[in-house]
Amino acid sequence: MILLLIEIPDMLQLKIGNWTPGDPLAFRQIGDEWIKSASTVVLQVPSVLAPGQKNYPINPKHHLFGATKIVSKTPFTFDSRLLSSIPPPVIANP
């Protein structure tokens, strides 16, 4: 896994969507719809591993995606203690 530091130009700061928690079963559908709609380059979402922190997924299908810039790449691994505290996902029966 690699931790990326990404620069988002000022012009894209206006393209940051804001998402708030809801039904955990709907997370994937919400993400899929966000990617397809290409409504924003970046989506601000709450962190599951670090409450009170935010994550910023970047939409590679947005027409301004190419304006983002990778500043640095750092090897990264999650501390196993963090991962052990996450409950397994709930999968609905079809």
PDB file of N, CA and C in Angstrom:
ATOM      1  N   MET A   1       0.847  -1.160   0.000  1.00  0.00           N
ATOM      2  CA  MET A   1       0.000   0.000   0.000  1.00  0.00           C
ATOM      3  C   MET A   1       0.899   1.232   0.000  1.00  0.00           C
ATOM      4  N   ILE A   2       0.438   2.275  -0.654  1.00  0.00           N
ATOM      5  CA  ILE A   2       1.213   3.510  -0.742  1.00  0.00           C
ATOM      6  C   ILE A   2       0.343   4.677  -0.297  1.00  0.00           C
ATOM      7  N   LEU A   3       0.899   5.525   0.548  1.00  0.00           N
ATOM      8  CA  LEU A   3       0.230   6.741   0.979  1.00  0.00           C
ATOM      9  C   LEU A   3       0.656   7.847   0.030  1.00  0.00           C
ATOM     10  N   LEU A   4      -0.308   8.505  -0.601  1.00  0.00           N
ATOM     11  CA  LEU A   4      -0.011   9.569  -1.553  1.00  0.00           C
ATOM     12  C   LEU A   4      -0.355  10.920  -0.944  1.00  0.00           C
ATOM     13  N   LEU A   5       0.526  11.882  -1.135  1.00  0.00           N
ATOM     14  CA  LEU A   5       0.220  13.263  -0.820  1.00  0.00           C
ATOM     15  C   LEU A   5      -0.121  13.906  -2.155  1.00  0.00           C
ATOM     16  N   ILE A   6      -1.337  14.417  -2.262  1.00  0.00           N
ATOM     17  CA  ILE A   6      -1.826  14.942  -3.538  1.00  0.00           C
ATOM     18  C   ILE A   6      -2.163  16.415  -3.391  1.00  0.00           C
ATOM     19  N   GLU A   7      -1.715  17.186  -4.343  1.00  0.00           N
ATOM     20  CA  GLU A   7      -2.020  18.607  -4.368  1.00  0.00           C
ATOM     21  C   GLU A   7      -3.272  18.820  -5.207  1.00  0.00           C
ATOM     22  N   ILE A   8      -4.204  19.554  -4.624  1.00  0.00           N
ATOM     23  CA  ILE A   8      -5.440  19.881  -5.338  1.00  0.00           C
ATOM     24  C   ILE A   8      -5.426  21.385  -5.598  1.00  0.00           C
ATOM     25  N   PRO A   9      -5.307  21.799  -6.853  1.00  0.00           N
ATOM     26  CA  PRO A   9      -5.241  23.231  -7.164  1.00  0.00           C
ATOM     27  C   PRO A   9      -6.452  23.998  -6.618  1.00  0.00           C
ATOM     28  N   ASP A  10      -6.248  25.272  -6.365  1.00  0.00           N
ATOM     29  CA  ASP A  10      -7.306  26.121  -5.818  1.00  0.00           C
ATOM     30  C   ASP A  10      -8.592  26.034  -6.628  1.00  0.00           C
ATOM     31  N   MET A  11      -8.465  25.937  -7.952  1.00  0.00           N
ATOM     32  CA  MET A  11      -9.670  25.906  -8.795  1.00  0.00           C
ATOM     33  C   MET A  11     -10.526  24.678  -8.487  1.00  0.00           C
ATOM     34  N   LEU A  12      -9.898  23.615  -7.961  1.00  0.00           N
ATOM     35  CA  LEU A  12     -10.657  22.402  -7.664  1.00  0.00           C
ATOM     36  C   LEU A  12     -11.227  22.403  -6.258  1.00  0.00           C
ATOM     37  N   GLN A  13     -10.779  23.323  -5.403  1.00  0.00           N
ATOM     38  CA  GLN A  13     -11.299  23.361  -4.051  1.00  0.00           C
ATOM     39  C   GLN A  13     -12.816  23.551  -4.058  1.00  0.00           C
ATOM     40  N   LEU A  14     -13.314  24.215  -5.077  1.00  0.00           N
ATOM     41  CA  LEU A  14     -14.762  24.414  -5.198  1.00  0.00           C
ATOM     42  C   LEU A  14     -15.463  23.137  -5.640  1.00  0.00           C
ATOM     43  N   LYS A  15     -14.694  22.154  -6.075  1.00  0.00           N
ATOM     44  CA  LYS A  15     -15.264  20.906  -6.569  1.00  0.00           C
ATOM     45  C   LYS A  15     -15.190  19.793  -5.515  1.00  0.00           C
ATOM     46  N   ILE A  16     -15.086  20.153  -4.245  1.00  0.00           N
ATOM     47  CA  ILE A  16     -15.056  19.144  -3.194  1.00  0.00           C
ATOM     48  C   ILE A  16     -16.474  18.932  -2.685  1.00  0.00           C
ATOM     49  N   GLY A  17     -16.990  17.733  -2.905  1.00  0.00           N
ATOM     50  CA  GLY A  17     -18.307  17.399  -2.387  1.00  0.00           C
ATOM     51  C   GLY A  17     -18.192  17.029  -0.915  1.00  0.00           C
ATOM     52  N   ASN A  18     -19.277  17.071  -0.207  1.00  0.00           N
ATOM     53  CA  ASN A  18     -19.274  16.726   1.207  1.00  0.00           C
ATOM     54  C   ASN A  18     -20.302  15.636   1.434  1.00  0.00           C
ATOM     55  N   TRP A  19     -19.872  14.544   2.017  1.00  0.00           N
ATOM     56  CA  TRP A  19     -20.737  13.399   2.251  1.00  0.00           C
ATOM     57  C   TRP A  19     -20.817  13.139   3.746  1.00  0.00           C
ATOM     58  N   THR A  20     -21.979  12.874   4.237  1.00  0.00           N
ATOM     59  CA  THR A  20     -22.143  12.591   5.661  1.00  0.00           C
ATOM     60  C   THR A  20     -22.572  11.137   5.835  1.00  0.00           C
ATOM     61  N   PRO A  21     -22.244  10.545   6.986  1.00  0.00           N
ATOM     62  CA  PRO A  21     -22.554   9.135   7.215  1.00  0.00           C
ATOM     63  C   PRO A  21     -24.047   8.846   7.087  1.00  0.00           C
ATOM     64  N   GLY A  22     -24.329   7.655   6.686  1.00  0.00           N
ATOM     65  CA  GLY A  22     -25.703   7.189   6.570  1.00  0.00           C
ATOM     66  C   GLY A  22     -25.728   5.700   6.793  1.00  0.00           C
ATOM     67  N   ASP A  23     -26.528   5.025   6.066  1.00  0.00           N
ATOM     68  CA  ASP A  23     -26.654   3.574   6.152  1.00  0.00           C
ATOM     69  C   ASP A  23     -25.386   2.916   5.608  1.00  0.00           C
ATOM     70  N   PRO A  24     -24.635   2.168   6.459  1.00  0.00           N
ATOM     71  CA  PRO A  24     -23.396   1.544   5.987  1.00  0.00           C
ATOM     72  C   PRO A  24     -23.589   0.633   4.770  1.00  0.00           C
ATOM     73  N   LEU A  25     -24.753   0.041   4.634  1.00  0.00           N
ATOM     74  CA  LEU A  25     -24.990  -0.832   3.485  1.00  0.00           C
ATOM     75  C   LEU A  25     -25.083  -0.047   2.180  1.00  0.00           C
ATOM     76  N   ALA A  26     -25.324   1.243   2.297  1.00  0.00           N
ATOM     77  CA  ALA A  26     -25.472   2.071   1.097  1.00  0.00           C
ATOM     78  C   ALA A  26     -24.150   2.715   0.671  1.00  0.00           C
ATOM     79  N   PHE A  27     -23.072   2.558   1.451  1.00  0.00           N
ATOM     80  CA  PHE A  27     -21.811   3.234   1.151  1.00  0.00           C
ATOM     81  C   PHE A  27     -21.317   2.953  -0.257  1.00  0.00           C
ATOM     82  N   ARG A  28     -21.301   1.704  -0.637  1.00  0.00           N
ATOM     83  CA  ARG A  28     -20.781   1.357  -1.968  1.00  0.00           C
ATOM     84  C   ARG A  28     -21.638   1.976  -3.068  1.00  0.00           C
ATOM     85  N   GLN A  29     -22.951   1.913  -2.909  1.00  0.00           N
ATOM     86  CA  GLN A  29     -23.846   2.495  -3.911  1.00  0.00           C
ATOM     87  C   GLN A  29     -23.624   4.005  -4.015  1.00  0.00           C
ATOM     88  N   ILE A  30     -23.452   4.657  -2.873  1.00  0.00           N
ATOM     89  CA  ILE A  30     -23.206   6.104  -2.881  1.00  0.00           C
ATOM     90  C   ILE A  30     -21.917   6.410  -3.627  1.00  0.00           C
ATOM     91  N   GLY A  31     -20.859   5.632  -3.347  1.00  0.00           N
ATOM     92  CA  GLY A  31     -19.579   5.839  -4.024  1.00  0.00           C
ATOM     93  C   GLY A  31     -19.676   5.581  -5.514  1.00  0.00           C
ATOM     94  N   ASP A  32     -20.362   4.509  -5.888  1.00  0.00           N
ATOM     95  CA  ASP A  32     -20.532   4.198  -7.311  1.00  0.00           C
ATOM     96  C   ASP A  32     -21.270   5.318  -8.040  1.00  0.00           C
ATOM     97  N   GLU A  33     -22.311   5.845  -7.406  1.00  0.00           N
ATOM     98  CA  GLU A  33     -23.088   6.926  -8.026  1.00  0.00           C
ATOM     99  C   GLU A  33     -22.252   8.197  -8.135  1.00  0.00           C
ATOM    100  N   TRP A  34     -21.421   8.467  -7.120  1.00  0.00           N
ATOM    101  CA  TRP A  34     -20.559   9.650  -7.152  1.00  0.00           C
ATOM    102  C   TRP A  34     -19.564   9.545  -8.310  1.00  0.00           C
ATOM    103  N   ILE A  35     -18.950   8.370  -8.475  1.00  0.00           N
ATOM    104  CA  ILE A  35     -17.996   8.182  -9.575  1.00  0.00           C
ATOM    105  C   ILE A  35     -18.703   8.380 -10.918  1.00  0.00           C
ATOM    106  N   LYS A  36     -19.858   7.737 -11.102  1.00  0.00           N
ATOM    107  CA  LYS A  36     -20.574   7.825 -12.380  1.00  0.00           C
ATOM    108  C   LYS A  36     -21.023   9.251 -12.692  1.00  0.00           C
ATOM    109  N   SER A  37     -21.503   9.967 -11.678  1.00  0.00           N
ATOM    110  CA  SER A  37     -22.027  11.317 -11.911  1.00  0.00           C
ATOM    111  C   SER A  37     -20.918  12.313 -12.237  1.00  0.00           C
ATOM    112  N   ALA A  38     -19.694  12.033 -11.746  1.00  0.00           N
ATOM    113  CA  ALA A  38     -18.563  12.956 -11.933  1.00  0.00           C
ATOM    114  C   ALA A  38     -18.941  14.378 -11.530  1.00  0.00           C
ATOM    115  N   SER A  39     -19.714  14.486 -10.458  1.00  0.00           N
ATOM    116  CA  SER A  39     -20.178  15.797 -10.009  1.00  0.00           C
ATOM    117  C   SER A  39     -19.078  16.618  -9.349  1.00  0.00           C
ATOM    118  N   THR A  40     -18.119  15.950  -8.712  1.00  0.00           N
ATOM    119  CA  THR A  40     -16.989  16.639  -8.090  1.00  0.00           C
ATOM    120  C   THR A  40     -15.719  15.836  -8.322  1.00  0.00           C
ATOM    121  N   VAL A  41     -14.576  16.522  -8.250  1.00  0.00           N
ATOM    122  CA  VAL A  41     -13.281  15.861  -8.393  1.00  0.00           C
ATOM    123  C   VAL A  41     -12.958  15.102  -7.106  1.00  0.00           C
ATOM    124  N   VAL A  42     -13.280  15.721  -5.972  1.00  0.00           N
ATOM    125  CA  VAL A  42     -12.943  15.177  -4.663  1.00  0.00           C
ATOM    126  C   VAL A  42     -14.204  15.110  -3.816  1.00  0.00           C
ATOM    127  N   LEU A  43     -14.275  14.078  -2.983  1.00  0.00           N
ATOM    128  CA  LEU A  43     -15.407  13.930  -2.071  1.00  0.00           C
ATOM    129  C   LEU A  43     -14.868  13.837  -0.656  1.00  0.00           C
ATOM    130  N   GLN A  44     -15.327  14.700   0.226  1.00  0.00           N
ATOM    131  CA  GLN A  44     -14.916  14.648   1.628  1.00  0.00           C
ATOM    132  C   GLN A  44     -15.805  13.653   2.347  1.00  0.00           C
ATOM    133  N   VAL A  45     -15.186  12.638   2.963  1.00  0.00           N
ATOM    134  CA  VAL A  45     -15.947  11.609   3.679  1.00  0.00           C
ATOM    135  C   VAL A  45     -15.345  11.402   5.059  1.00  0.00           C
ATOM    136  N   PRO A  46     -16.159  11.020   6.039  1.00  0.00           N
ATOM    137  CA  PRO A  46     -15.627  10.766   7.375  1.00  0.00           C
ATOM    138  C   PRO A  46     -14.769   9.502   7.391  1.00  0.00           C
ATOM    139  N   SER A  47     -13.686   9.530   8.170  1.00  0.00           N
ATOM    140  CA  SER A  47     -12.803   8.373   8.304  1.00  0.00           C
ATOM    141  C   SER A  47     -13.430   7.340   9.228  1.00  0.00           C
ATOM    142  N   VAL A  48     -13.353   6.080   8.842  1.00  0.00           N
ATOM    143  CA  VAL A  48     -13.836   4.991   9.690  1.00  0.00           C
ATOM    144  C   VAL A  48     -12.786   4.659  10.743  1.00  0.00           C
ATOM    145  N   LEU A  49     -11.514   4.695  10.349  1.00  0.00           N
ATOM    146  CA  LEU A  49     -10.432   4.319  11.264  1.00  0.00           C
ATOM    147  C   LEU A  49     -10.049   5.414  12.246  1.00  0.00           C
ATOM    148  N   ALA A  50     -10.264   6.660  11.878  1.00  0.00           N
ATOM    149  CA  ALA A  50      -9.879   7.779  12.741  1.00  0.00           C
ATOM    150  C   ALA A  50     -11.060   8.731  12.889  1.00  0.00           C
ATOM    151  N   PRO A  51     -11.957   8.449  13.836  1.00  0.00           N
ATOM    152  CA  PRO A  51     -13.135   9.306  14.025  1.00  0.00           C
ATOM    153  C   PRO A  51     -12.737  10.778  14.184  1.00  0.00           C
ATOM    154  N   GLY A  52     -13.513  11.634  13.546  1.00  0.00           N
ATOM    155  CA  GLY A  52     -13.236  13.058  13.579  1.00  0.00           C
ATOM    156  C   GLY A  52     -12.314  13.513  12.457  1.00  0.00           C
ATOM    157  N   GLN A  53     -11.731  12.562  11.735  1.00  0.00           N
ATOM    158  CA  GLN A  53     -10.852  12.885  10.612  1.00  0.00           C
ATOM    159  C   GLN A  53     -11.614  12.688   9.300  1.00  0.00           C
ATOM    160  N   LYS A  54     -11.055  13.182   8.237  1.00  0.00           N
ATOM    161  CA  LYS A  54     -11.693  13.083   6.920  1.00  0.00           C
ATOM    162  C   LYS A  54     -10.775  12.375   5.925  1.00  0.00           C
ATOM    163  N   ASN A  55     -11.377  11.723   4.958  1.00  0.00           N
ATOM    164  CA  ASN A  55     -10.686  11.144   3.808  1.00  0.00           C
ATOM    165  C   ASN A  55     -11.196  11.875   2.572  1.00  0.00           C
ATOM    166  N   TYR A  56     -10.358  11.905   1.545  1.00  0.00           N
ATOM    167  CA  TYR A  56     -10.705  12.632   0.333  1.00  0.00           C
ATOM    168  C   TYR A  56     -10.471  11.767  -0.900  1.00  0.00           C
ATOM    169  N   PRO A  57     -11.411  10.873  -1.235  1.00  0.00           N
ATOM    170  CA  PRO A  57     -11.252  10.109  -2.476  1.00  0.00           C
ATOM    171  C   PRO A  57     -11.326  11.047  -3.677  1.00  0.00           C
ATOM    172  N   ILE A  58     -10.556  10.702  -4.694  1.00  0.00           N
ATOM    173  CA  ILE A  58     -10.499  11.511  -5.914  1.00  0.00           C
ATOM    174  C   ILE A  58     -11.153  10.735  -7.050  1.00  0.00           C
ATOM    175  N   ASN A  59     -11.995  11.418  -7.816  1.00  0.00           N
ATOM    176  CA  ASN A  59     -12.751  10.784  -8.895  1.00  0.00           C
ATOM    177  C   ASN A  59     -11.950  10.830 -10.202  1.00  0.00           C
ATOM    178  N   PRO A  60     -11.394   9.690 -10.637  1.00  0.00           N
ATOM    179  CA  PRO A  60     -10.600   9.680 -11.868  1.00  0.00           C
ATOM    180  C   PRO A  60     -11.436   9.888 -13.123  1.00  0.00           C
ATOM    181  N   LYS A  61     -12.750   9.820 -13.015  1.00  0.00           N
ATOM    182  CA  LYS A  61     -13.609  10.023 -14.191  1.00  0.00           C
ATOM    183  C   LYS A  61     -14.019  11.485 -14.367  1.00  0.00           C
ATOM    184  N   HIS A  62     -13.681  12.340 -13.399  1.00  0.00           N
ATOM    185  CA  HIS A  62     -14.033  13.756 -13.511  1.00  0.00           C
ATOM    186  C   HIS A  62     -13.125  14.418 -14.545  1.00  0.00           C
ATOM    187  N   HIS A  63     -13.672  15.325 -15.333  1.00  0.00           N
ATOM    188  CA  HIS A  63     -12.892  15.940 -16.414  1.00  0.00           C
ATOM    189  C   HIS A  63     -11.720  16.790 -15.904  1.00  0.00           C
ATOM    190  N   LEU A  64     -11.700  17.180 -14.638  1.00  0.00           N
ATOM    191  CA  LEU A  64     -10.590  17.955 -14.089  1.00  0.00           C
ATOM    192  C   LEU A  64      -9.617  17.105 -13.263  1.00  0.00           C
ATOM    193  N   PHE A  65      -9.786  15.792 -13.312  1.00  0.00           N
ATOM    194  CA  PHE A  65      -8.909  14.893 -12.559  1.00  0.00           C
ATOM    195  C   PHE A  65      -7.434  15.139 -12.870  1.00  0.00           C
ATOM    196  N   GLY A  66      -7.102  15.397 -14.118  1.00  0.00           N
ATOM    197  CA  GLY A  66      -5.723  15.605 -14.531  1.00  0.00           C
ATOM    198  C   GLY A  66      -5.068  16.820 -13.902  1.00  0.00           C
ATOM    199  N   ALA A  67      -5.857  17.707 -13.293  1.00  0.00           N
ATOM    200  CA  ALA A  67      -5.289  18.898 -12.653  1.00  0.00           C
ATOM    201  C   ALA A  67      -4.709  18.588 -11.273  1.00  0.00           C
ATOM    202  N   THR A  68      -5.035  17.410 -10.717  1.00  0.00           N
ATOM    203  CA  THR A  68      -4.452  17.029  -9.434  1.00  0.00           C
ATOM    204  C   THR A  68      -3.014  16.584  -9.659  1.00  0.00           C
ATOM    205  N   LYS A  69      -2.193  16.690  -8.623  1.00  0.00           N
ATOM    206  CA  LYS A  69      -0.770  16.375  -8.781  1.00  0.00           C
ATOM    207  C   LYS A  69      -0.292  15.557  -7.588  1.00  0.00           C
ATOM    208  N   ILE A  70       0.379  14.424  -7.862  1.00  0.00           N
ATOM    209  CA  ILE A  70       0.976  13.626  -6.797  1.00  0.00           C
ATOM    210  C   ILE A  70       2.264  14.319  -6.371  1.00  0.00           C
ATOM    211  N   VAL A  71       2.334  14.688  -5.083  1.00  0.00           N
ATOM    212  CA  VAL A  71       3.488  15.399  -4.544  1.00  0.00           C
ATOM    213  C   VAL A  71       4.514  14.417  -3.986  1.00  0.00           C
ATOM    214  N   SER A  72       4.026  13.358  -3.301  1.00  0.00           N
ATOM    215  CA  SER A  72       4.948  12.362  -2.757  1.00  0.00           C
ATOM    216  C   SER A  72       4.250  11.020  -2.607  1.00  0.00           C
ATOM    217  N   LYS A  73       5.070   9.965  -2.580  1.00  0.00           N
ATOM    218  CA  LYS A  73       4.595   8.598  -2.374  1.00  0.00           C
ATOM    219  C   LYS A  73       5.387   8.003  -1.219  1.00  0.00           C
ATOM    220  N   THR A  74       4.663   7.422  -0.247  1.00  0.00           N
ATOM    221  CA  THR A  74       5.309   6.834   0.923  1.00  0.00           C
ATOM    222  C   THR A  74       4.733   5.448   1.168  1.00  0.00           C
ATOM    223  N   PRO A  75       5.578   4.421   1.317  1.00  0.00           N
ATOM    224  CA  PRO A  75       5.049   3.095   1.669  1.00  0.00           C
ATOM    225  C   PRO A  75       4.264   3.185   2.983  1.00  0.00           C
ATOM    226  N   PHE A  76       3.178   2.440   3.067  1.00  0.00           N
ATOM    227  CA  PHE A  76       2.299   2.548   4.226  1.00  0.00           C
ATOM    228  C   PHE A  76       1.654   1.205   4.529  1.00  0.00           C
ATOM    229  N   THR A  77       1.562   0.882   5.799  1.00  0.00           N
ATOM    230  CA  THR A  77       0.790  -0.275   6.247  1.00  0.00           C
ATOM    231  C   THR A  77      -0.029   0.148   7.454  1.00  0.00           C
ATOM    232  N   PHE A  78      -1.239  -0.353   7.542  1.00  0.00           N
ATOM    233  CA  PHE A  78      -2.071  -0.072   8.696  1.00  0.00           C
ATOM    234  C   PHE A  78      -1.548  -0.834   9.899  1.00  0.00           C
ATOM    235  N   ASP A  79      -1.592  -0.212  11.043  1.00  0.00           N
ATOM    236  CA  ASP A  79      -1.270  -0.887  12.287  1.00  0.00           C
ATOM    237  C   ASP A  79      -2.355  -1.941  12.517  1.00  0.00           C
ATOM    238  N   SER A  80      -1.964  -3.177  12.725  1.00  0.00           N
ATOM    239  CA  SER A  80      -2.924  -4.272  12.854  1.00  0.00           C
ATOM    240  C   SER A  80      -3.898  -4.049  14.012  1.00  0.00           C
ATOM    241  N   ARG A  81      -3.502  -3.262  15.005  1.00  0.00           N
ATOM    242  CA  ARG A  81      -4.415  -2.979  16.128  1.00  0.00           C
ATOM    243  C   ARG A  81      -5.619  -2.166  15.661  1.00  0.00           C
ATOM    244  N   LEU A  82      -5.407  -1.288  14.685  1.00  0.00           N
ATOM    245  CA  LEU A  82      -6.531  -0.520  14.145  1.00  0.00           C
ATOM    246  C   LEU A  82      -7.491  -1.426  13.385  1.00  0.00           C
ATOM    247  N   LEU A  83      -6.931  -2.290  12.568  1.00  0.00           N
ATOM    248  CA  LEU A  83      -7.762  -3.163  11.744  1.00  0.00           C
ATOM    249  C   LEU A  83      -8.539  -4.169  12.577  1.00  0.00           C
ATOM    250  N   SER A  84      -7.988  -4.605  13.697  1.00  0.00           N
ATOM    251  CA  SER A  84      -8.680  -5.598  14.520  1.00  0.00           C
ATOM    252  C   SER A  84      -9.898  -5.013  15.215  1.00  0.00           C
ATOM    253  N   SER A  85      -9.990  -3.687  15.303  1.00  0.00           N
ATOM    254  CA  SER A  85     -11.130  -3.068  15.984  1.00  0.00           C
ATOM    255  C   SER A  85     -12.300  -2.787  15.045  1.00  0.00           C
ATOM    256  N   ILE A  86     -12.126  -3.051  13.762  1.00  0.00           N
ATOM    257  CA  ILE A  86     -13.185  -2.786  12.786  1.00  0.00           C
ATOM    258  C   ILE A  86     -14.068  -4.020  12.679  1.00  0.00           C
ATOM    259  N   PRO A  87     -15.360  -3.845  12.910  1.00  0.00           N
ATOM    260  CA  PRO A  87     -16.258  -5.013  12.778  1.00  0.00           C
ATOM    261  C   PRO A  87     -16.347  -5.458  11.321  1.00  0.00           C
ATOM    262  N   PRO A  88     -16.582  -6.740  11.109  1.00  0.00           N
ATOM    263  CA  PRO A  88     -16.700  -7.224   9.728  1.00  0.00           C
ATOM    264  C   PRO A  88     -17.911  -6.594   9.042  1.00  0.00           C
ATOM    265  N   PRO A  89     -17.850  -6.444   7.712  1.00  0.00           N
ATOM    266  CA  PRO A  89     -18.978  -5.846   7.011  1.00  0.00           C
ATOM    267  C   PRO A  89     -20.222  -6.718   7.078  1.00  0.00           C
ATOM    268  N   VAL A  90     -21.350  -6.064   7.071  1.00  0.00           N
ATOM    269  CA  VAL A  90     -22.633  -6.779   7.044  1.00  0.00           C
ATOM    270  C   VAL A  90     -23.042  -6.902   5.593  1.00  0.00           C
ATOM    271  N   ILE A  91     -23.266  -8.118   5.152  1.00  0.00           N
ATOM    272  CA  ILE A  91     -23.638  -8.356   3.760  1.00  0.00           C
ATOM    273  C   ILE A  91     -25.086  -8.815   3.727  1.00  0.00           C
ATOM    274  N   ALA A  92     -25.894  -8.062   3.001  1.00  0.00           N
ATOM    275  CA  ALA A  92     -27.313  -8.391   2.897  1.00  0.00           C
ATOM    276  C   ALA A  92     -27.494  -9.607   1.975  1.00  0.00           C
ATOM    277  N   ASN A  93     -28.438 -10.447   2.301  1.00  0.00           N
ATOM    278  CA  ASN A  93     -28.760 -11.584   1.432  1.00  0.00           C
ATOM    279  C   ASN A  93     -29.556 -11.088   0.228  1.00  0.00           C
ATOM    280  N   PRO A  94     -29.171 -11.574  -0.965  1.00  0.00           N
ATOM    281  CA  PRO A  94     -29.902 -11.134  -2.178  1.00  0.00           C
ATOM    282  C   PRO A  94     -31.325 -11.642  -2.209  1.00  0.00           C
TER     283      PRO A  94
END
